[in-house]
Amino acid sequence: MALKLSRHFKDQWRVYFREEPPPASAILRLIGHANAVWLQKFQVLRTPSGQEHRQLATYWRPDKDMVIKIDWGRDKVVTVITPKSKGRKR
């Protein structure tokens, strides 16, 4: 399955960078770059009762001042976080 961009990600990108979001292939290059730091792996966690929780993969690009979160279970880029995110109502 091909990586998709969520509506939330696209909206956040437009707000933070004032431009159209890049294609998924560019996101893959961003997180695969030598400057990217992998902070958290994707996992599907379950409570004892079987309720599912998704832990999103998290990548930091300090040189770009951004964090990107991906749900690899659904092949979807979920959000982008920047310093402009601080204090912003979602």
N, C-alpha and C. Protein backbone atom coordinates (compact mmCIF):
# COMPACT_ATOMS: atom_id res chain seq x y z
N MET A 1 0.84 -1.18 0.00
CA MET A 1 0.00 0.00 0.00
C MET A 1 0.90 1.25 0.00
N ALA A 2 0.48 2.28 -0.71
CA ALA A 2 1.24 3.52 -0.80
C ALA A 2 0.94 4.43 0.39
N LEU A 3 1.95 5.17 0.81
CA LEU A 3 1.79 6.11 1.91
C LEU A 3 0.85 7.24 1.50
N LYS A 4 -0.08 7.58 2.40
CA LYS A 4 -1.06 8.64 2.14
C LYS A 4 -0.87 9.76 3.15
N LEU A 5 -1.33 10.95 2.79
CA LEU A 5 -1.29 12.09 3.70
C LEU A 5 -2.69 12.30 4.26
N SER A 6 -2.81 12.39 5.58
CA SER A 6 -4.12 12.63 6.18
C SER A 6 -4.56 14.07 5.94
N ARG A 7 -5.84 14.30 6.05
CA ARG A 7 -6.37 15.66 5.92
C ARG A 7 -5.76 16.56 7.00
N HIS A 8 -5.66 16.03 8.21
CA HIS A 8 -5.07 16.80 9.31
C HIS A 8 -3.64 17.22 8.97
N PHE A 9 -2.84 16.27 8.46
CA PHE A 9 -1.46 16.59 8.10
C PHE A 9 -1.44 17.71 7.05
N LYS A 10 -2.25 17.56 6.02
CA LYS A 10 -2.28 18.58 4.96
C LYS A 10 -2.67 19.94 5.50
N ASP A 11 -3.70 19.96 6.36
CA ASP A 11 -4.14 21.23 6.94
C ASP A 11 -3.04 21.85 7.81
N GLN A 12 -2.41 21.02 8.64
CA GLN A 12 -1.35 21.53 9.50
C GLN A 12 -0.19 22.07 8.67
N TRP A 13 0.19 21.37 7.62
CA TRP A 13 1.29 21.79 6.76
C TRP A 13 0.98 23.17 6.17
N ARG A 14 -0.23 23.34 5.68
CA ARG A 14 -0.61 24.62 5.08
C ARG A 14 -0.54 25.76 6.10
N VAL A 15 -0.98 25.49 7.33
CA VAL A 15 -0.95 26.51 8.38
C VAL A 15 0.49 26.87 8.74
N TYR A 16 1.32 25.87 8.96
CA TYR A 16 2.67 26.10 9.46
C TYR A 16 3.64 26.61 8.40
N PHE A 17 3.50 26.13 7.17
CA PHE A 17 4.48 26.47 6.13
C PHE A 17 3.92 27.37 5.03
N ARG A 18 2.62 27.64 5.08
CA ARG A 18 1.96 28.52 4.11
C ARG A 18 2.23 28.10 2.66
N GLU A 19 2.17 26.78 2.45
CA GLU A 19 2.33 26.21 1.11
C GLU A 19 1.61 24.86 1.08
N GLU A 20 1.40 24.37 -0.10
CA GLU A 20 0.78 23.05 -0.25
C GLU A 20 1.73 21.98 0.29
N PRO A 21 1.18 20.93 0.91
CA PRO A 21 2.04 19.88 1.46
C PRO A 21 2.77 19.14 0.34
N PRO A 22 3.94 18.63 0.66
CA PRO A 22 4.70 17.86 -0.34
C PRO A 22 4.04 16.49 -0.55
N PRO A 23 4.39 15.82 -1.64
CA PRO A 23 3.85 14.47 -1.85
C PRO A 23 4.45 13.49 -0.84
N ALA A 24 3.82 12.35 -0.71
CA ALA A 24 4.27 11.34 0.25
C ALA A 24 5.72 10.93 -0.01
N SER A 25 6.13 10.91 -1.26
CA SER A 25 7.52 10.54 -1.57
C SER A 25 8.50 11.51 -0.93
N ALA A 26 8.15 12.80 -0.86
CA ALA A 26 9.02 13.79 -0.22
C ALA A 26 9.05 13.59 1.30
N ILE A 27 7.93 13.17 1.87
CA ILE A 27 7.90 12.89 3.31
C ILE A 27 8.82 11.71 3.62
N LEU A 28 8.79 10.70 2.77
CA LEU A 28 9.68 9.55 2.96
C LEU A 28 11.14 9.98 2.89
N ARG A 29 11.46 10.92 2.01
CA ARG A 29 12.83 11.43 1.93
C ARG A 29 13.17 12.23 3.19
N LEU A 30 12.20 13.01 3.70
CA LEU A 30 12.44 13.80 4.92
C LEU A 30 12.79 12.89 6.10
N ILE A 31 12.02 11.81 6.28
CA ILE A 31 12.26 10.94 7.44
C ILE A 31 13.41 9.97 7.21
N GLY A 32 13.80 9.78 5.95
CA GLY A 32 14.91 8.88 5.64
C GLY A 32 16.25 9.59 5.55
N HIS A 33 16.25 10.90 5.66
CA HIS A 33 17.45 11.72 5.55
C HIS A 33 18.40 11.46 6.72
N ALA A 34 19.68 11.67 6.50
CA ALA A 34 20.69 11.46 7.55
C ALA A 34 20.45 12.34 8.78
N ASN A 35 19.80 13.50 8.59
CA ASN A 35 19.53 14.39 9.72
C ASN A 35 18.28 13.99 10.51
N ALA A 36 17.53 13.02 10.03
CA ALA A 36 16.30 12.60 10.71
C ALA A 36 16.65 11.75 11.94
N VAL A 37 15.90 11.99 13.01
CA VAL A 37 16.08 11.21 14.24
C VAL A 37 14.79 10.44 14.48
N TRP A 38 14.91 9.13 14.57
CA TRP A 38 13.75 8.27 14.83
C TRP A 38 13.52 8.26 16.33
N LEU A 39 12.42 8.85 16.78
CA LEU A 39 12.15 8.98 18.22
C LEU A 39 11.33 7.83 18.78
N GLN A 40 10.39 7.32 17.98
CA GLN A 40 9.47 6.30 18.49
C GLN A 40 9.02 5.41 17.35
N LYS A 41 9.03 4.11 17.58
CA LYS A 41 8.57 3.20 16.54
C LYS A 41 7.06 3.04 16.60
N PHE A 42 6.48 2.64 15.48
CA PHE A 42 5.04 2.37 15.43
C PHE A 42 4.75 1.04 16.11
N GLN A 43 3.71 1.03 16.92
CA GLN A 43 3.25 -0.21 17.56
C GLN A 43 1.74 -0.18 17.74
N VAL A 44 1.15 -1.34 17.69
CA VAL A 44 -0.25 -1.47 18.07
C VAL A 44 -0.23 -2.11 19.46
N LEU A 45 -0.75 -1.36 20.42
CA LEU A 45 -0.77 -1.83 21.81
C LEU A 45 -2.19 -2.24 22.17
N ARG A 46 -2.33 -3.20 23.07
CA ARG A 46 -3.65 -3.65 23.50
C ARG A 46 -3.73 -3.65 25.02
N THR A 47 -4.87 -3.18 25.50
CA THR A 47 -5.13 -3.23 26.94
C THR A 47 -5.47 -4.67 27.29
N PRO A 48 -5.49 -5.00 28.58
CA PRO A 48 -5.87 -6.37 28.98
C PRO A 48 -7.26 -6.76 28.45
N SER A 49 -8.13 -5.78 28.25
CA SER A 49 -9.47 -6.09 27.73
C SER A 49 -9.49 -6.20 26.21
N GLY A 50 -8.34 -5.95 25.57
CA GLY A 50 -8.26 -6.09 24.12
C GLY A 50 -8.45 -4.81 23.33
N GLN A 51 -8.65 -3.69 24.02
CA GLN A 51 -8.83 -2.42 23.31
C GLN A 51 -7.50 -2.02 22.67
N GLU A 52 -7.60 -1.62 21.41
CA GLU A 52 -6.40 -1.29 20.63
C GLU A 52 -6.03 0.19 20.75
N HIS A 53 -4.72 0.44 20.88
CA HIS A 53 -4.19 1.79 20.87
C HIS A 53 -2.99 1.80 19.92
N ARG A 54 -2.93 2.82 19.08
CA ARG A 54 -1.81 2.92 18.14
C ARG A 54 -0.79 3.91 18.64
N GLN A 55 0.44 3.47 18.72
CA GLN A 55 1.56 4.35 19.05
C GLN A 55 2.19 4.74 17.72
N LEU A 56 2.10 6.00 17.35
CA LEU A 56 2.57 6.45 16.05
C LEU A 56 4.09 6.51 15.99
N ALA A 57 4.63 6.18 14.81
CA ALA A 57 6.06 6.37 14.58
C ALA A 57 6.32 7.87 14.57
N THR A 58 7.40 8.28 15.21
CA THR A 58 7.70 9.70 15.35
C THR A 58 9.12 9.97 14.87
N TYR A 59 9.23 10.94 13.98
CA TYR A 59 10.51 11.31 13.38
C TYR A 59 10.74 12.80 13.59
N TRP A 60 11.96 13.15 13.99
CA TRP A 60 12.32 14.55 14.24
C TRP A 60 13.36 14.97 13.22
N ARG A 61 13.12 16.13 12.62
CA ARG A 61 14.10 16.74 11.73
C ARG A 61 14.54 18.06 12.37
N PRO A 62 15.58 18.02 13.23
CA PRO A 62 15.99 19.24 13.91
C PRO A 62 16.42 20.35 12.95
N ASP A 63 16.99 19.98 11.81
CA ASP A 63 17.42 20.99 10.84
C ASP A 63 16.24 21.67 10.17
N LYS A 64 15.07 21.02 10.16
CA LYS A 64 13.85 21.58 9.56
C LYS A 64 12.89 22.08 10.64
N ASP A 65 13.24 21.86 11.91
CA ASP A 65 12.42 22.30 13.03
C ASP A 65 11.02 21.68 12.99
N MET A 66 10.96 20.36 12.78
CA MET A 66 9.67 19.69 12.69
C MET A 66 9.73 18.26 13.19
N VAL A 67 8.56 17.78 13.62
CA VAL A 67 8.35 16.38 13.98
C VAL A 67 7.21 15.88 13.10
N ILE A 68 7.39 14.69 12.54
CA ILE A 68 6.36 14.07 11.69
C ILE A 68 5.95 12.76 12.35
N LYS A 69 4.63 12.52 12.42
CA LYS A 69 4.10 11.29 13.00
C LYS A 69 3.38 10.48 11.92
N ILE A 70 3.67 9.17 11.90
CA ILE A 70 3.14 8.29 10.86
C ILE A 70 2.51 7.06 11.49
N ASP A 71 1.34 6.70 11.00
CA ASP A 71 0.66 5.45 11.36
C ASP A 71 1.02 4.44 10.28
N TRP A 72 2.04 3.64 10.54
CA TRP A 72 2.48 2.67 9.54
C TRP A 72 1.48 1.53 9.36
N GLY A 73 0.61 1.31 10.34
CA GLY A 73 -0.42 0.28 10.20
C GLY A 73 -1.44 0.64 9.15
N ARG A 74 -1.65 1.92 8.96
CA ARG A 74 -2.60 2.42 7.95
C ARG A 74 -1.89 3.13 6.81
N ASP A 75 -0.55 3.13 6.84
CA ASP A 75 0.26 3.81 5.82
C ASP A 75 -0.20 5.25 5.62
N LYS A 76 -0.27 5.99 6.74
CA LYS A 76 -0.79 7.36 6.68
C LYS A 76 0.08 8.30 7.51
N VAL A 77 0.48 9.42 6.87
CA VAL A 77 1.17 10.50 7.59
C VAL A 77 0.08 11.24 8.36
N VAL A 78 0.18 11.28 9.67
CA VAL A 78 -0.90 11.76 10.52
C VAL A 78 -0.78 13.25 10.84
N THR A 79 0.42 13.70 11.22
CA THR A 79 0.55 15.10 11.61
C THR A 79 1.98 15.58 11.47
N VAL A 80 2.12 16.90 11.47
CA VAL A 80 3.42 17.56 11.54
C VAL A 80 3.35 18.55 12.69
N ILE A 81 4.41 18.60 13.47
CA ILE A 81 4.47 19.49 14.63
C ILE A 81 5.69 20.39 14.46
N THR A 82 5.49 21.68 14.70
CA THR A 82 6.56 22.66 14.60
C THR A 82 6.50 23.56 15.84
N PRO A 83 7.47 24.44 16.02
CA PRO A 83 7.36 25.40 17.14
C PRO A 83 6.09 26.24 17.06
N LYS A 84 5.54 26.41 15.88
CA LYS A 84 4.30 27.17 15.73
C LYS A 84 3.10 26.43 16.32
N SER A 85 3.26 25.13 16.61
CA SER A 85 2.19 24.32 17.19
C SER A 85 1.92 24.69 18.64
N LYS A 86 2.92 25.22 19.33
CA LYS A 86 2.82 25.50 20.76
C LYS A 86 1.66 26.47 21.04
N GLY A 87 0.77 26.02 21.92
CA GLY A 87 -0.33 26.86 22.35
C GLY A 87 -1.46 27.00 21.34
N ARG A 88 -1.36 26.31 20.23
CA ARG A 88 -2.38 26.40 19.19
C ARG A 88 -3.51 25.42 19.49
N LYS A 89 -4.74 25.88 19.42
CA LYS A 89 -5.90 24.99 19.63
C LYS A 89 -6.10 24.16 18.38
N ARG A 90 -6.34 22.86 18.60
CA ARG A 90 -6.52 21.95 17.47
C ARG A 90 -7.94 21.58 17.29
